[in-house]
């Protein structure tokens, strides 16, 4: 089942989608590209035999699609959605790593923490805040992949994501390209 070449190819495609996601101006497009990235990361982890990460990202795909649906309706996702996704992520970790595979490792906490953080960060509708808060779980994901020996390209995908996030923060929020119109990445309900 382990196939490094297919894992690398899937990670590369994921990397393209994640980089694009940071340079869109609408939260719904950000979520769509994140969902596409997650789909390919799941495939990459499958072929690198990283099952907890794969299952956690499966829940992440549900998360991205759920928030995408709320964003399409121009509504905030209820807090219970984030709590349910965080609980599902934690439960999947316990079930898979303690009972099914019996491969729980202390480093898994990095992946688990990052996945739980995504459940709450993706709920935020202001893309500026999303960009800044995504720095933490992305760094945790890089550490997890590096320290657990995941496919090099899986780690590289998160490194490109971190780079894209930092560049987009600079471009849209530091350099002064903030445009406050509804539907834009910087629109905030309080600014009406």
Protein backbone atom coordinates (compact mmCIF):
# COMPACT_ATOMS: atom_id res chain seq x y z
CA UNK A 1 0.00 0.00 0.00
CA UNK A 2 2.89 2.42 0.67
CA UNK A 3 3.79 4.33 -2.50
CA UNK A 4 6.11 7.32 -2.14
CA UNK A 5 5.65 8.46 -5.75
CA UNK A 6 1.85 8.68 -5.49
CA UNK A 7 2.20 10.35 -2.10
CA UNK A 8 4.51 12.97 -3.60
CA UNK A 9 2.23 13.62 -6.57
CA UNK A 10 -0.84 14.04 -4.35
CA UNK A 11 1.11 16.33 -2.00
CA UNK A 12 2.23 18.47 -4.92
CA UNK A 13 -1.35 18.95 -6.12
CA UNK A 14 -2.39 19.77 -2.54
CA UNK A 15 0.40 22.33 -2.35
CA UNK A 16 -0.88 24.11 -5.45
CA UNK A 17 -4.40 24.36 -4.01
CA UNK A 18 -3.24 25.56 -0.59
CA UNK A 19 -1.04 28.28 -2.06
CA UNK A 20 -3.89 29.52 -4.24
CA UNK A 21 -6.23 29.57 -1.21
CA UNK A 22 -4.21 32.29 0.51
CA UNK A 23 -4.46 34.64 -2.45
CA UNK A 24 -8.22 34.74 -2.93
CA UNK A 25 -10.29 37.56 -1.51
CA UNK A 26 -13.45 35.70 -0.58
CA UNK A 27 -13.71 33.36 2.35
CA UNK A 28 -15.87 30.94 0.34
CA UNK A 29 -13.11 30.56 -2.28
CA UNK A 30 -10.54 30.13 0.48
CA UNK A 31 -12.60 27.28 1.92
CA UNK A 32 -13.10 25.68 -1.49
CA UNK A 33 -9.37 25.63 -2.25
CA UNK A 34 -8.62 24.40 1.27
CA UNK A 35 -11.10 21.54 0.73
CA UNK A 36 -9.38 20.58 -2.52
CA UNK A 37 -6.02 20.70 -0.78
CA UNK A 38 -7.31 18.47 2.03
CA UNK A 39 -8.62 15.92 -0.47
CA UNK A 40 -5.17 15.54 -2.00
CA UNK A 41 -3.43 15.49 1.38
CA UNK A 42 -5.69 12.61 2.40
CA UNK A 43 -4.50 10.70 -0.66
CA UNK A 44 -0.89 11.60 0.15
CA UNK A 45 -1.19 10.37 3.73
CA UNK A 46 -2.92 7.21 2.54
CA UNK A 47 0.04 6.36 0.31
CA UNK A 48 2.54 7.26 3.07
CA UNK A 49 0.58 5.12 5.59
CA UNK A 50 -0.13 7.97 8.02
CA UNK A 51 -3.61 6.83 8.99
CA UNK A 52 -4.46 9.15 11.85
CA UNK A 53 -3.47 12.18 9.78
CA UNK A 54 -5.53 10.80 6.90
CA UNK A 55 -8.63 10.26 9.05
CA UNK A 56 -8.16 13.60 10.80
CA UNK A 57 -7.98 15.31 7.44
CA UNK A 58 -11.13 13.42 6.37
CA UNK A 59 -12.90 15.17 9.23
CA UNK A 60 -11.13 18.34 8.08
CA UNK A 61 -12.67 17.93 4.66
CA UNK A 62 -16.12 17.72 6.26
CA UNK A 63 -15.18 20.82 8.26
CA UNK A 64 -14.14 22.83 5.19
CA UNK A 65 -17.24 21.81 3.25
CA UNK A 66 -19.57 22.57 6.20
CA UNK A 67 -18.08 26.04 6.65
CA UNK A 68 -18.17 26.56 2.89
CA UNK A 69 -21.93 25.85 2.96
CA UNK A 70 -22.46 28.40 5.74
CA UNK A 71 -20.29 30.93 3.93
CA UNK A 72 -22.33 30.46 0.74
CA UNK A 73 -25.42 31.37 2.78
CA UNK A 74 -23.56 34.40 4.22
CA UNK A 75 -24.03 33.00 7.75
CA UNK A 76 -21.80 32.24 10.70
CA UNK A 77 -21.46 28.56 11.47
CA UNK A 78 -22.79 27.85 14.96
CA UNK A 79 -20.23 27.17 17.67
CA UNK A 80 -21.63 23.66 18.12
CA UNK A 81 -20.35 22.80 14.61
CA UNK A 82 -16.77 23.64 15.62
CA UNK A 83 -17.18 21.78 18.92
CA UNK A 84 -18.61 18.72 17.14
CA UNK A 85 -15.76 18.72 14.60
CA UNK A 86 -13.16 19.09 17.37
CA UNK A 87 -14.81 16.23 19.31
CA UNK A 88 -14.92 14.03 16.18
CA UNK A 89 -11.25 14.72 15.53
CA UNK A 90 -10.31 13.84 19.11
CA UNK A 91 -12.50 10.72 19.12
CA UNK A 92 -11.00 9.54 15.83
CA UNK A 93 -7.53 9.93 17.29
CA UNK A 94 -8.38 7.86 20.36
CA UNK A 95 -10.19 5.15 18.41
CA UNK A 96 -7.65 4.82 15.61
CA UNK A 97 -4.40 5.25 17.52
CA UNK A 98 -5.23 3.57 20.81
CA UNK A 99 -7.69 0.83 19.88
CA UNK A 100 -7.38 0.03 16.17
CA UNK A 101 -3.76 0.56 15.17
CA UNK A 102 -2.32 0.77 18.69
CA UNK A 103 0.29 3.18 17.39
CA UNK A 104 -0.31 6.24 19.57
CA UNK A 105 2.82 8.33 19.87
CA UNK A 106 3.46 11.48 21.91
CA UNK A 107 4.17 13.42 18.70
CA UNK A 108 0.61 12.74 17.51
CA UNK A 109 -0.50 15.51 19.84
CA UNK A 110 0.97 18.03 17.38
CA UNK A 111 -1.28 16.78 14.59
CA UNK A 112 -4.28 16.48 16.90
CA UNK A 113 -3.85 20.00 18.24
CA UNK A 114 -3.47 21.44 14.73
CA UNK A 115 -6.61 19.66 13.50
CA UNK A 116 -8.65 20.83 16.49
CA UNK A 117 -7.43 24.40 15.95
CA UNK A 118 -8.53 24.27 12.31
CA UNK A 119 -12.07 23.44 13.46
CA UNK A 120 -12.28 26.77 15.24
CA UNK A 121 -10.18 28.89 12.87
CA UNK A 122 -12.17 27.94 9.77
CA UNK A 123 -15.31 29.13 11.57
CA UNK A 124 -13.97 32.70 11.61
CA UNK A 125 -15.50 34.67 8.76
CA UNK A 126 -12.91 37.47 8.59
CA UNK A 127 -10.18 36.18 6.27
CA UNK A 128 -7.63 38.57 7.77
CA UNK A 129 -8.00 36.93 11.18
CA UNK A 130 -7.99 33.49 9.54
CA UNK A 131 -4.69 34.24 7.82
CA UNK A 132 -3.02 35.32 11.07
CA UNK A 133 -4.38 32.46 13.18
CA UNK A 134 -3.51 29.80 10.58
CA UNK A 135 0.17 30.37 11.32
CA UNK A 136 0.03 28.29 14.53
CA UNK A 137 -1.59 25.06 13.27
CA UNK A 138 0.49 25.21 10.09
CA UNK A 139 3.71 25.29 12.13
CA UNK A 140 2.40 22.41 14.27
CA UNK A 141 1.65 20.43 11.09
CA UNK A 142 5.17 21.04 9.80
CA UNK A 143 6.62 19.81 13.08
CA UNK A 144 4.39 16.72 13.09
CA UNK A 145 5.29 15.78 9.52
CA UNK A 146 8.99 16.43 10.00
CA UNK A 147 9.31 14.60 13.31
CA UNK A 148 7.21 11.58 12.29
CA UNK A 149 8.98 11.04 8.98
CA UNK A 150 5.96 11.69 6.79
CA UNK A 151 6.62 11.93 3.07
CA UNK A 152 8.95 14.84 2.39
CA UNK A 153 6.45 16.44 0.07
CA UNK A 154 3.72 16.35 2.74
CA UNK A 155 6.00 18.43 4.97
CA UNK A 156 6.90 20.62 2.02
CA UNK A 157 3.20 21.25 1.35
CA UNK A 158 2.80 22.73 4.82
CA UNK A 159 6.00 24.75 4.39
CA UNK A 160 4.58 26.22 1.17
CA UNK A 161 1.31 26.87 3.02
CA UNK A 162 3.16 28.73 5.75
CA UNK A 163 5.09 30.74 3.15
CA UNK A 164 1.91 31.56 1.21
CA UNK A 165 0.19 32.60 4.44
CA UNK A 166 3.05 34.92 5.43
CA UNK A 167 3.23 36.44 1.92
CA UNK A 168 -0.56 36.95 1.82
CA UNK A 169 -0.46 38.61 5.26
CA UNK A 170 2.23 40.93 3.97
CA UNK A 171 0.42 41.62 0.70
CA UNK A 172 -3.09 42.16 2.04
CA UNK A 173 -2.59 43.35 5.61
CA UNK A 174 0.85 44.87 6.10
CA UNK A 175 1.58 46.52 2.78
CA UNK A 176 -1.80 48.22 2.89
CA UNK A 177 -3.97 46.53 0.29
CA UNK A 178 -6.89 46.27 2.72
CA UNK A 179 -10.13 46.95 0.89
CA UNK A 180 -13.22 46.98 3.06
CA UNK A 181 -16.08 45.83 0.87
CA UNK A 182 -18.56 43.04 1.50
CA UNK A 183 -17.29 39.73 0.17
CA UNK A 184 -13.67 40.84 0.38
CA UNK A 185 -11.13 39.09 2.57
CA UNK A 186 -11.10 41.98 5.02
CA UNK A 187 -14.79 42.65 5.34
CA UNK A 188 -15.95 42.51 8.92
CA UNK A 189 -19.57 42.60 10.01
CA UNK A 190 -18.70 45.32 12.56
CA UNK A 191 -17.54 47.65 9.79
CA UNK A 192 -21.02 48.10 8.28
